[in-house]
Amino acid sequence: MKSGFLLAAVAAFALSGWAGAQSYFPPAGAEHWERVSPQEAGFDPQALQEAIDFAVERETRNEAPLGDVVAARELTIMVPLQWAAEPYSDPIGPLADRGDPSGVIVRGGRIVAEWGEPERVDMAFSVTKSFLSHVVGLAIEDGLIGDVHMPVSAQVRDERFHTAHNAPVTWDQLLRQTSGWWGELWGKLAWADRPGTNPHDALVAGPPVPGSAYEYNDVRVNALALAATHLFARELPDVLRERIMDPIGASDGWVWHGYHNSYAEVDGERLLSVSGGGHWGGGMFIDAYDMARFGLLGLHRGEWDGERLLSDAFFGAALAPGEHNAGYGYMNFFLNAPDTRMYSEALPGNAYFHLGAGTNLVFVSPNHDLVAVVRWIEGAAMRGFLERLIAAIEEPATEQ
């Protein structure tokens, strides 16, 4: 009996990447991804199930004049309604209705729990921004961006980066949402995105000085996507697929959309410039398993099964607090920083989140060797879920 118990204990230890064993990287195909029980992964099974039940019971219903859950899943209706008060709010990219509340929990690289429809390709909204920042990271790796503090206008000929106001805007400012980029892109004006209660005030106030303030703004995000398209002289989904998604074994079901009018002329070729979210439609459409793989790449700071896909230096910069928002690194890295909206004392200080409307969440805790993907949970319930998830772990955390 003692021998059997010891073998079981050794097996459990070997499975727990957080306990010092060799990391596991899943092969392509969700069906081939190794699963372990909550006990083997160091969870209290009942507490973990309670956390999952909490997420399912708090399905997002959207803040719009349609009350029931079924209507809230009709994103082709809900998204236009949600932004209807904004100037220029009409969708110009594809929209798709969504599925059930879903999620995947991964520890030590292995799936511990999954629920809902994790295989369903749904809109990811602003989680798309994190895919964009990773592609920009590849441009840094390739030497296409020599210094992130250089003005974009030094390398991109597009006239929209050469106005008196936009010429000083740097790559770092675009990545941190402090650029103050000003103008119109794909029929959307920068001042009209989330302008507050009185859009006229935003227009009259004019552009902020580049680098002077943090402002979450999808027009400026799309400007970064356009600039990166010029750098690569390729459509960014092709770069992402070749350099990141295929190497981490992602499915072929994800699609990164732009808008019907977001085409750029680059070196004589007409290229689609993708969007950084689903604010006006478009952005990343992806399943929860592929989102979990993406989170696992971040957990290992750009390394996948011995292959370096993105530098550790990129993740160091992406996870560095911004000057004007300590809870935001590169887009869309939200940090667990004190005095910020996302902060929780129950979560490690080095934990971070990729967040999109819905809520779509990719949570990474290096101290727990943990990735959690949660889709279609009320934003106000996100912290409660994560605190329950961490509390369900019985194995001690490892400081990273």
Protein backbone atom coordinates (compact mmCIF):
# COMPACT_ATOMS: atom_id res chain seq x y z
CA MET A 1 0.00 0.00 0.00
CA LYS A 2 2.78 2.41 0.90
CA SER A 3 4.55 1.62 -2.37
CA GLY A 4 1.37 2.30 -4.37
CA PHE A 5 0.81 5.56 -2.54
CA LEU A 6 4.41 6.63 -3.22
CA LEU A 7 4.11 5.86 -6.93
CA ALA A 8 0.91 7.87 -7.12
CA ALA A 9 2.56 10.76 -5.32
CA VAL A 10 5.56 10.67 -7.66
CA ALA A 11 3.24 10.57 -10.70
CA ALA A 12 1.30 13.56 -9.42
CA PHE A 13 4.56 15.43 -8.79
CA ALA A 14 5.78 14.64 -12.32
CA LEU A 15 2.59 16.04 -13.77
CA SER A 16 2.91 19.28 -11.83
CA GLY A 17 5.08 21.55 -13.94
CA TRP A 18 4.89 24.16 -11.15
CA ALA A 19 6.70 21.73 -8.82
CA GLY A 20 9.82 21.70 -10.96
CA ALA A 21 9.09 18.91 -13.45
CA GLN A 22 9.73 19.34 -17.17
CA SER A 23 7.13 21.57 -18.80
CA TYR A 24 4.54 19.99 -21.05
CA PHE A 25 3.57 21.55 -24.38
CA PRO A 26 0.46 20.14 -26.05
CA PRO A 27 0.65 18.78 -29.58
CA ALA A 28 -1.67 20.13 -32.26
CA GLY A 29 -5.31 19.16 -31.89
CA ALA A 30 -7.44 19.69 -28.80
CA GLU A 31 -8.22 15.97 -28.78
CA HIS A 32 -4.50 15.21 -28.31
CA TRP A 33 -4.01 17.69 -25.45
CA GLU A 34 -3.22 15.78 -22.28
CA ARG A 35 -5.81 16.02 -19.50
CA VAL A 36 -5.28 15.50 -15.78
CA SER A 37 -7.68 15.41 -12.88
CA PRO A 38 -8.00 18.41 -10.57
CA GLN A 39 -6.35 16.39 -7.79
CA GLU A 40 -3.34 15.58 -9.98
CA ALA A 41 -3.02 19.28 -10.81
CA GLY A 42 -3.12 20.32 -7.17
CA PHE A 43 -6.72 21.56 -7.03
CA ASP A 44 -9.47 20.90 -4.55
CA PRO A 45 -11.99 19.38 -7.01
CA GLN A 46 -15.07 20.74 -5.27
CA ALA A 47 -13.64 24.24 -4.95
CA LEU A 48 -12.62 24.22 -8.61
CA GLN A 49 -16.09 23.13 -9.67
CA GLU A 50 -17.61 25.88 -7.55
CA ALA A 51 -15.43 28.43 -9.35
CA ILE A 52 -16.58 27.10 -12.73
CA ASP A 53 -20.22 27.09 -11.62
CA PHE A 54 -19.75 30.69 -10.50
CA ALA A 55 -18.57 31.65 -14.01
CA VAL A 56 -21.42 29.82 -15.77
CA GLU A 57 -24.08 31.28 -13.48
CA ARG A 58 -22.82 34.80 -14.16
CA GLU A 59 -23.14 34.73 -17.90
CA THR A 60 -22.90 38.17 -19.39
CA ARG A 61 -26.19 39.72 -20.46
CA ASN A 62 -24.78 42.92 -21.96
CA GLU A 63 -25.84 46.40 -21.03
CA ALA A 64 -28.40 46.98 -23.73
CA PRO A 65 -32.20 47.18 -23.99
CA LEU A 66 -32.60 43.44 -24.50
CA GLY A 67 -32.87 41.57 -21.24
CA ASP A 68 -32.74 37.83 -21.67
CA VAL A 69 -29.68 35.64 -22.14
CA VAL A 70 -30.69 34.41 -25.57
CA ALA A 71 -30.89 37.97 -26.89
CA ALA A 72 -27.55 38.78 -25.23
CA ARG A 73 -25.93 36.05 -27.33
CA GLU A 74 -27.11 37.71 -30.55
CA LEU A 75 -24.00 39.83 -31.02
CA THR A 76 -25.13 40.86 -34.48
CA ILE A 77 -27.77 42.86 -32.59
CA MET A 78 -26.08 43.54 -29.26
CA VAL A 79 -22.82 45.05 -30.53
CA PRO A 80 -24.47 47.78 -32.62
CA LEU A 81 -26.85 48.52 -29.75
CA GLN A 82 -24.06 48.73 -27.20
CA TRP A 83 -22.22 51.44 -29.14
CA ALA A 84 -25.23 53.14 -30.71
CA ALA A 85 -24.72 56.38 -28.78
CA GLU A 86 -21.26 56.89 -30.25
CA PRO A 87 -20.70 58.99 -33.36
CA TYR A 88 -19.77 56.84 -36.37
CA SER A 89 -20.76 53.72 -34.45
CA ASP A 90 -22.03 51.64 -37.37
CA PRO A 91 -20.29 48.24 -37.80
CA ILE A 92 -17.97 47.94 -40.78
CA GLY A 93 -16.62 44.47 -40.05
CA PRO A 94 -18.17 41.03 -39.59
CA LEU A 95 -20.13 40.13 -36.47
CA ALA A 96 -21.21 36.69 -35.25
CA ASP A 97 -23.60 35.50 -32.57
CA ARG A 98 -21.91 33.70 -29.69
CA GLY A 99 -22.24 30.43 -27.83
CA ASP A 100 -22.50 29.24 -24.25
CA PRO A 101 -20.33 30.41 -21.35
CA SER A 102 -17.14 28.44 -21.90
CA GLY A 103 -13.67 28.00 -20.54
CA VAL A 104 -10.48 25.99 -20.21
CA ILE A 105 -8.19 25.70 -17.18
CA VAL A 106 -4.58 24.66 -17.83
CA ARG A 107 -1.94 23.89 -15.19
CA GLY A 108 1.50 22.52 -15.88
CA GLY A 109 0.55 22.72 -19.56
CA ARG A 110 -2.23 20.15 -19.14
CA ILE A 111 -5.98 20.69 -19.25
CA VAL A 112 -7.53 20.40 -15.80
CA ALA A 113 -11.07 21.52 -16.63
CA GLU A 114 -13.15 22.58 -19.64
CA TRP A 115 -16.78 23.58 -19.91
CA GLY A 116 -19.33 24.97 -22.33
CA GLU A 117 -18.24 25.08 -25.96
CA PRO A 118 -14.47 25.53 -25.85
CA GLU A 119 -14.20 24.32 -29.44
CA ARG A 120 -16.54 27.04 -30.75
CA VAL A 121 -14.98 29.86 -32.77
CA ASP A 122 -16.37 33.09 -31.30
CA MET A 123 -15.46 36.75 -31.39
CA ALA A 124 -12.66 37.62 -28.95
CA PHE A 125 -13.06 41.41 -29.11
CA SER A 126 -10.09 43.22 -27.53
CA VAL A 127 -8.10 40.08 -26.81
CA THR A 128 -7.24 40.69 -30.47
CA LYS A 129 -5.01 43.55 -29.30
CA SER A 130 -2.68 41.07 -27.63
CA PHE A 131 -2.27 39.16 -30.88
CA LEU A 132 -1.44 42.49 -32.51
CA SER A 133 1.19 43.38 -29.92
CA HIS A 134 2.79 39.96 -30.39
CA VAL A 135 3.06 40.57 -34.14
CA VAL A 136 4.66 43.95 -33.44
CA GLY A 137 7.01 42.05 -31.13
CA LEU A 138 8.01 39.93 -34.12
CA ALA A 139 8.79 43.11 -36.05
CA ILE A 140 11.10 44.12 -33.20
CA GLU A 141 12.71 40.64 -33.31
CA ASP A 142 13.28 40.96 -37.04
CA GLY A 143 14.91 44.37 -36.72
CA LEU A 144 12.08 46.04 -38.62
CA ILE A 145 11.70 48.26 -35.55
CA GLY A 146 15.14 49.19 -34.29
CA ASP A 147 13.90 51.12 -31.29
CA VAL A 148 10.31 51.22 -30.00
CA HIS A 149 10.88 54.84 -29.00
CA MET A 150 11.47 55.85 -32.61
CA PRO A 151 8.67 57.73 -34.39
CA VAL A 152 6.53 55.49 -36.57
CA SER A 153 6.77 58.15 -39.28
CA ALA A 154 10.49 57.38 -39.66
CA GLN A 155 9.64 53.98 -41.13
CA VAL A 156 6.06 54.18 -42.44
CA ARG A 157 5.34 56.33 -45.47
CA ASP A 158 1.57 56.47 -45.03
CA GLU A 159 0.59 60.16 -44.91
CA ARG A 160 -1.64 59.60 -41.87
CA PHE A 161 1.53 59.22 -39.78
CA HIS A 162 3.09 62.38 -41.20
CA THR A 163 0.77 65.11 -39.99
CA ALA A 164 2.30 67.71 -37.65
CA HIS A 165 0.57 66.06 -34.70
CA ASN A 166 1.19 62.39 -35.57
CA ALA A 167 4.77 62.59 -36.83
CA PRO A 168 6.30 62.29 -33.30
CA VAL A 169 4.13 59.29 -32.30
CA THR A 170 6.32 56.31 -31.36
CA TRP A 171 5.80 52.57 -31.51
CA ASP A 172 5.94 52.38 -27.73
CA GLN A 173 3.18 54.98 -27.40
CA LEU A 174 0.94 53.07 -29.79
CA LEU A 175 1.60 49.84 -27.90
CA ARG A 176 0.76 51.49 -24.56
CA GLN A 177 -2.30 53.43 -25.81
CA THR A 178 -0.67 56.77 -25.03
CA SER A 179 -0.05 57.89 -28.61
CA GLY A 180 -2.77 60.50 -28.94
CA TRP A 181 -2.81 59.64 -32.68
CA TRP A 182 -5.33 61.96 -34.32
CA GLY A 183 -7.25 61.62 -37.52
CA GLU A 184 -9.61 59.36 -39.43
CA LEU A 185 -9.00 55.73 -40.25
CA TRP A 186 -11.42 53.45 -42.10
CA GLY A 187 -14.19 56.03 -41.66
CA LYS A 188 -13.75 56.28 -37.87
CA LEU A 189 -12.40 59.38 -36.18
CA ALA A 190 -10.15 59.12 -33.13
CA TRP A 191 -12.14 61.63 -31.10
CA ALA A 192 -15.38 59.69 -31.67
CA ASP A 193 -14.25 56.43 -30.02
CA ARG A 194 -15.59 56.28 -26.43
CA PRO A 195 -15.92 60.08 -26.29
CA GLY A 196 -17.75 60.25 -22.96
CA THR A 197 -21.17 61.69 -22.29
CA ASN A 198 -20.69 64.62 -24.65
CA PRO A 199 -18.82 63.76 -27.87
CA HIS A 200 -18.66 67.46 -28.74
CA ASP A 201 -16.34 68.02 -25.77
CA ALA A 202 -13.89 65.42 -27.06
CA LEU A 203 -13.88 67.04 -30.49
CA VAL A 204 -13.37 70.56 -29.12
CA ALA A 205 -10.67 69.44 -26.69
CA GLY A 206 -8.59 68.26 -29.61
CA PRO A 207 -5.76 65.74 -29.62
CA PRO A 208 -3.68 65.00 -26.54
CA VAL A 209 0.06 65.53 -26.84
CA PRO A 210 1.62 62.19 -27.90
CA GLY A 211 2.81 60.30 -24.86
CA SER A 212 1.00 62.53 -22.36
CA ALA A 213 -2.00 60.39 -21.38
CA TYR A 214 -3.45 56.88 -21.53
CA GLU A 215 -6.63 56.49 -23.56
CA TYR A 216 -8.18 53.22 -24.68
CA ASN A 217 -8.95 53.93 -28.31
CA ASP A 218 -9.56 51.47 -31.14
CA VAL A 219 -8.83 53.95 -33.93
CA ARG A 220 -5.29 54.28 -32.59
CA VAL A 221 -5.03 50.51 -32.18
CA ASN A 222 -6.01 50.14 -35.82
CA ALA A 223 -3.36 52.71 -36.70
CA LEU A 224 -0.77 50.39 -35.13
CA ALA A 225 -2.09 47.47 -37.18
CA LEU A 226 -1.80 49.60 -40.33
CA ALA A 227 1.77 50.61 -39.45
CA ALA A 228 2.76 46.98 -38.83
CA THR A 229 1.23 45.96 -42.17
CA HIS A 230 3.50 48.51 -43.85
CA LEU A 231 6.54 47.14 -42.01
CA PHE A 232 5.97 43.52 -42.96
CA ALA A 233 4.48 44.31 -46.38
CA ARG A 234 2.28 41.30 -45.60
CA GLU A 235 -1.13 40.83 -44.06
CA LEU A 236 -0.68 40.38 -40.32
CA PRO A 237 -2.78 37.18 -39.99
CA ASP A 238 -0.29 35.45 -42.31
CA VAL A 239 2.60 36.57 -40.10
CA LEU A 240 0.79 35.48 -36.93
CA ARG A 241 -0.10 32.08 -38.37
CA GLU A 242 3.39 31.35 -39.67
CA ARG A 243 5.38 32.63 -36.69
CA ILE A 244 3.16 31.95 -33.67
CA MET A 245 -0.10 30.08 -34.18
CA ASP A 246 1.16 27.17 -36.27
CA PRO A 247 4.25 26.62 -34.06
CA ILE A 248 2.08 26.44 -30.90
CA GLY A 249 -0.23 23.90 -32.55
CA ALA A 250 -3.26 26.17 -32.91
CA SER A 251 -6.16 24.99 -35.04
CA ASP A 252 -6.91 26.28 -38.50
CA GLY A 253 -10.29 27.61 -37.34
CA TRP A 254 -9.26 31.06 -36.11
CA VAL A 255 -9.72 34.08 -38.38
CA TRP A 256 -8.42 37.62 -37.91
CA HIS A 257 -10.73 40.03 -39.69
CA GLY A 258 -10.44 43.62 -40.75
CA TYR A 259 -13.21 45.79 -42.15
CA HIS A 260 -14.81 45.88 -45.57
CA ASN A 261 -12.87 49.09 -46.29
CA SER A 262 -9.59 48.55 -44.39
CA TYR A 263 -7.24 47.98 -47.27
CA ALA A 264 -3.84 49.60 -47.63
CA GLU A 265 -1.57 50.04 -50.61
CA VAL A 266 1.85 48.69 -49.59
CA ASP A 267 4.65 48.46 -52.14
CA GLY A 268 2.10 48.39 -54.91
CA GLU A 269 0.05 45.60 -53.35
CA ARG A 270 -3.44 45.89 -51.86
CA LEU A 271 -3.35 44.38 -48.37
CA LEU A 272 -6.02 43.95 -45.72
CA SER A 273 -5.22 45.90 -42.55
CA VAL A 274 -6.85 43.98 -39.70
CA SER A 275 -8.67 45.49 -36.74
CA GLY A 276 -7.62 45.33 -33.11
CA GLY A 277 -11.03 44.36 -31.75
CA GLY A 278 -14.73 43.91 -32.40
CA HIS A 279 -15.85 47.44 -31.54
CA TRP A 280 -17.08 47.94 -35.11
CA GLY A 281 -17.04 44.24 -35.98
CA GLY A 282 -14.02 42.29 -37.09
CA GLY A 283 -11.04 41.34 -34.96
CA MET A 284 -10.08 37.84 -33.89
CA PHE A 285 -12.58 34.97 -34.12
CA ILE A 286 -11.09 32.04 -32.21
CA ASP A 287 -11.87 29.08 -29.93
CA ALA A 288 -10.97 28.75 -26.25
CA TYR A 289 -8.37 26.04 -26.83
CA ASP A 290 -6.36 28.28 -29.14
CA MET A 291 -6.67 31.13 -26.65
CA ALA A 292 -5.28 28.80 -23.97
CA ARG A 293 -2.31 27.90 -26.20
CA PHE A 294 -1.68 31.61 -26.67
CA GLY A 295 -1.74 32.11 -22.89
CA LEU A 296 0.61 29.16 -22.44
CA LEU A 297 3.11 30.79 -24.82
CA GLY A 298 2.99 33.89 -22.63
CA LEU A 299 3.38 31.81 -19.48
CA HIS A 300 6.67 30.56 -20.96
CA ARG A 301 7.57 34.08 -22.08
CA GLY A 302 7.74 33.31 -25.77
CA GLU A 303 9.30 29.85 -25.67
CA TRP A 304 7.44 26.78 -26.94
CA ASP A 305 8.83 23.30 -26.46
CA GLY A 306 12.43 24.44 -26.76
CA GLU A 307 11.81 26.86 -29.64
CA ARG A 308 12.08 30.59 -29.05
CA LEU A 309 9.15 32.24 -30.89
CA LEU A 310 9.30 35.64 -29.24
CA SER A 311 12.01 37.12 -27.03
CA ASP A 312 11.91 37.23 -23.27
CA ALA A 313 12.71 40.94 -23.65
CA PHE A 314 9.39 41.48 -25.41
CA PHE A 315 7.49 40.04 -22.46
CA GLY A 316 9.59 42.11 -20.09
CA ALA A 317 8.50 45.25 -21.92
CA ALA A 318 4.91 44.10 -22.40
CA LEU A 319 4.55 43.46 -18.67
CA ALA A 320 6.20 46.69 -17.57
CA PRO A 321 3.66 49.14 -16.06
CA GLY A 322 2.86 52.11 -18.23
CA GLU A 323 3.80 55.61 -17.09
CA HIS A 324 0.20 56.82 -17.31
CA ASN A 325 -1.55 53.56 -16.37
CA ALA A 326 0.25 51.24 -13.96
CA GLY A 327 -2.26 48.50 -14.76
CA TYR A 328 -1.52 48.42 -18.49
CA GLY A 329 1.62 47.27 -20.26
CA TYR A 330 1.67 46.73 -24.00
CA MET A 331 -1.76 46.21 -25.48
CA ASN A 332 -3.62 44.16 -24.22
CA PHE A 333 -1.62 43.18 -21.14
CA PHE A 334 -3.61 44.18 -18.06
CA LEU A 335 -1.51 43.95 -14.90
CA ASN A 336 -2.55 43.10 -11.36
CA ALA A 337 -1.33 46.45 -10.09
CA PRO A 338 -2.56 48.24 -6.93
CA ASP A 339 -5.09 51.04 -7.37
CA THR A 340 -6.23 49.73 -10.75
CA ARG A 341 -9.59 48.35 -11.84
CA MET A 342 -8.26 44.80 -12.20
CA TYR A 343 -6.37 44.64 -8.91
CA SER A 344 -6.95 41.84 -6.40
CA GLU A 345 -4.81 41.13 -3.36
CA ALA A 346 -5.79 37.47 -3.69
CA LEU A 347 -3.95 37.19 -7.03
CA PRO A 348 -0.17 37.25 -7.47
CA GLY A 349 1.38 40.59 -8.28
CA ASN A 350 2.87 39.21 -11.49
CA ALA A 351 -0.42 37.75 -12.76
CA TYR A 352 -1.81 39.38 -15.88
CA PHE A 353 -4.83 39.30 -18.17
CA HIS A 354 -5.73 39.64 -21.82
CA LEU A 355 -9.24 41.11 -21.82
CA GLY A 356 -11.97 41.60 -24.36
CA ALA A 357 -15.61 42.59 -24.23
CA GLY A 358 -17.98 39.81 -23.46
CA THR A 359 -16.10 39.25 -21.14
CA ASN A 360 -13.38 37.27 -22.93
CA LEU A 361 -10.47 36.59 -20.60
CA VAL A 362 -7.07 34.92 -20.83
CA PHE A 363 -5.56 34.87 -17.33
CA VAL A 364 -1.91 33.94 -16.72
CA SER A 365 -0.37 33.29 -13.29
CA PRO A 366 3.32 32.37 -13.56
CA ASN A 367 3.49 31.63 -9.82
CA HIS A 368 0.89 28.88 -10.27
CA ASP A 369 1.96 27.67 -13.75
CA LEU A 370 -1.64 28.46 -14.62
CA VAL A 371 -3.61 29.65 -17.64
CA ALA A 372 -7.36 30.17 -17.54
CA VAL A 373 -9.61 31.08 -20.46
CA VAL A 374 -13.09 32.26 -19.54
CA ARG A 375 -15.65 33.43 -22.08
CA TRP A 376 -18.95 35.21 -21.68
CA ILE A 377 -18.76 36.03 -17.97
CA GLU A 378 -20.03 39.33 -16.56
CA GLY A 379 -17.17 41.77 -16.21
CA ALA A 380 -18.06 42.46 -12.58
CA ALA A 381 -17.78 38.73 -11.80
CA MET A 382 -14.35 38.22 -13.34
CA ARG A 383 -12.41 39.03 -10.17
CA GLY A 384 -14.66 36.76 -8.11
CA PHE A 385 -14.03 33.86 -10.47
CA LEU A 386 -10.25 34.32 -10.44
CA GLU A 387 -10.13 34.60 -6.66
CA ARG A 388 -12.13 31.37 -6.38
CA LEU A 389 -9.85 29.71 -8.92
CA ILE A 390 -6.68 30.61 -7.04
CA ALA A 391 -8.25 29.65 -3.71
CA ALA A 392 -9.02 26.20 -5.15
CA ILE A 393 -5.30 25.46 -5.59
CA GLU A 394 -3.95 23.33 -2.78
CA GLU A 395 -0.34 23.16 -3.96
CA PRO A 396 1.83 26.08 -2.80
CA ALA A 397 2.63 28.76 -5.35
CA THR A 398 6.18 29.27 -6.61
CA GLU A 399 7.49 32.82 -6.79
CA GLN A 400 8.57 33.74 -10.31
